[in-house]
Amino acid sequence: MPPPRARWNPARQRIFLSALLETGSVVRAARAAGMSRSSAQRLRLRLAGTPFDRIWEHALAAHAARMADPFAPAAPEARR
């Protein structure tokens, strides 16, 4: 019998979003959550307009801003 397919759950979503903020890479973030890039993209499409989608966008923007100025102080929410 083949192993059960991994499914997105709240814990995997948190791991993914944290890794996305840290790496800026959907591929690496999906891998950290034990999922594929394509399944992450499908999840985002399915959850368009939800907090998951908005946090995804924020994580990419925050990562890009941090890379643009690595010496800038961390945002307050990132220091918690």
Protein backbone atom coordinates (compact mmCIF):
# COMPACT_ATOMS: atom_id res chain seq x y z
CA MET A 1 0.00 0.00 0.00
CA PRO A 2 1.45 3.44 -0.93
CA PRO A 3 2.05 5.95 1.87
CA PRO A 4 -0.76 8.45 2.46
CA ARG A 5 -0.43 11.74 0.62
CA ALA A 6 0.68 14.67 2.71
CA ARG A 7 -1.97 17.34 3.10
CA TRP A 8 -1.81 20.98 3.98
CA ASN A 9 -2.87 21.61 7.57
CA PRO A 10 -2.49 24.65 9.85
CA ALA A 11 0.89 23.46 11.17
CA ARG A 12 2.29 22.97 7.64
CA GLN A 13 0.93 26.38 6.63
CA ARG A 14 2.71 28.04 9.58
CA ILE A 15 5.97 26.26 8.74
CA PHE A 16 5.61 27.28 5.10
CA LEU A 17 4.90 30.95 5.85
CA SER A 18 7.75 31.19 8.37
CA ALA A 19 10.17 29.65 5.89
CA LEU A 20 8.87 31.91 3.12
CA LEU A 21 9.60 34.97 5.26
CA GLU A 22 13.06 33.63 6.08
CA THR A 23 14.08 32.47 2.59
CA GLY A 24 11.90 34.35 0.11
CA SER A 25 11.70 31.08 -1.83
CA VAL A 26 8.42 29.25 -2.42
CA VAL A 27 10.37 26.11 -3.34
CA ARG A 28 12.41 26.12 -0.12
CA ALA A 29 9.42 27.05 2.03
CA ALA A 30 7.33 24.25 0.55
CA ARG A 31 10.18 21.80 1.08
CA ALA A 32 10.47 22.92 4.74
CA ALA A 33 6.77 22.12 5.16
CA GLY A 34 7.19 18.74 3.49
CA MET A 35 5.15 19.82 0.48
CA SER A 36 5.78 20.72 -3.17
CA ARG A 37 5.92 24.15 -4.78
CA SER A 38 2.99 23.28 -7.02
CA SER A 39 0.81 22.21 -4.09
CA ALA A 40 1.67 25.47 -2.31
CA GLN A 41 0.65 27.47 -5.40
CA ARG A 42 -2.62 25.52 -5.65
CA LEU A 43 -3.31 26.15 -1.96
CA ARG A 44 -2.73 29.86 -2.44
CA LEU A 45 -5.12 29.96 -5.39
CA ARG A 46 -7.74 28.08 -3.39
CA LEU A 47 -7.29 30.45 -0.42
CA ALA A 48 -7.09 33.68 -2.44
CA GLY A 49 -8.05 36.69 -0.34
CA THR A 50 -7.70 34.84 2.97
CA PRO A 51 -5.16 35.56 5.70
CA PHE A 52 -2.92 32.80 4.28
CA ASP A 53 -2.79 34.61 0.92
CA ARG A 54 -2.20 38.01 2.53
CA ILE A 55 0.55 36.68 4.82
CA TRP A 56 2.21 34.98 1.83
CA GLU A 57 2.33 38.34 0.03
CA HIS A 58 3.59 40.12 3.17
CA ALA A 59 6.29 37.48 3.74
CA LEU A 60 7.66 37.93 0.21
CA ALA A 61 7.59 41.73 0.51
CA ALA A 62 9.24 41.68 3.95
CA HIS A 63 11.95 39.31 2.73
CA ALA A 64 12.62 41.50 -0.32
CA ALA A 65 12.83 44.62 1.87
CA ARG A 66 15.24 42.87 4.25
CA MET A 67 17.44 41.82 1.34
CA ALA A 68 17.39 45.36 -0.07
CA ASP A 69 18.62 46.76 3.27
CA PRO A 70 20.01 43.98 5.46
CA PHE A 71 21.11 46.48 8.14
CA ALA A 72 17.64 47.96 8.67
CA PRO A 73 16.07 47.14 12.05
CA ALA A 74 13.61 44.26 12.04
CA ALA A 75 9.92 45.10 11.85
CA PRO A 76 8.18 45.01 15.27
CA GLU A 77 6.18 41.87 14.39
CA ALA A 78 9.40 40.07 13.42
CA ARG A 79 10.97 40.71 16.84
CA ARG A 80 8.38 38.76 18.84
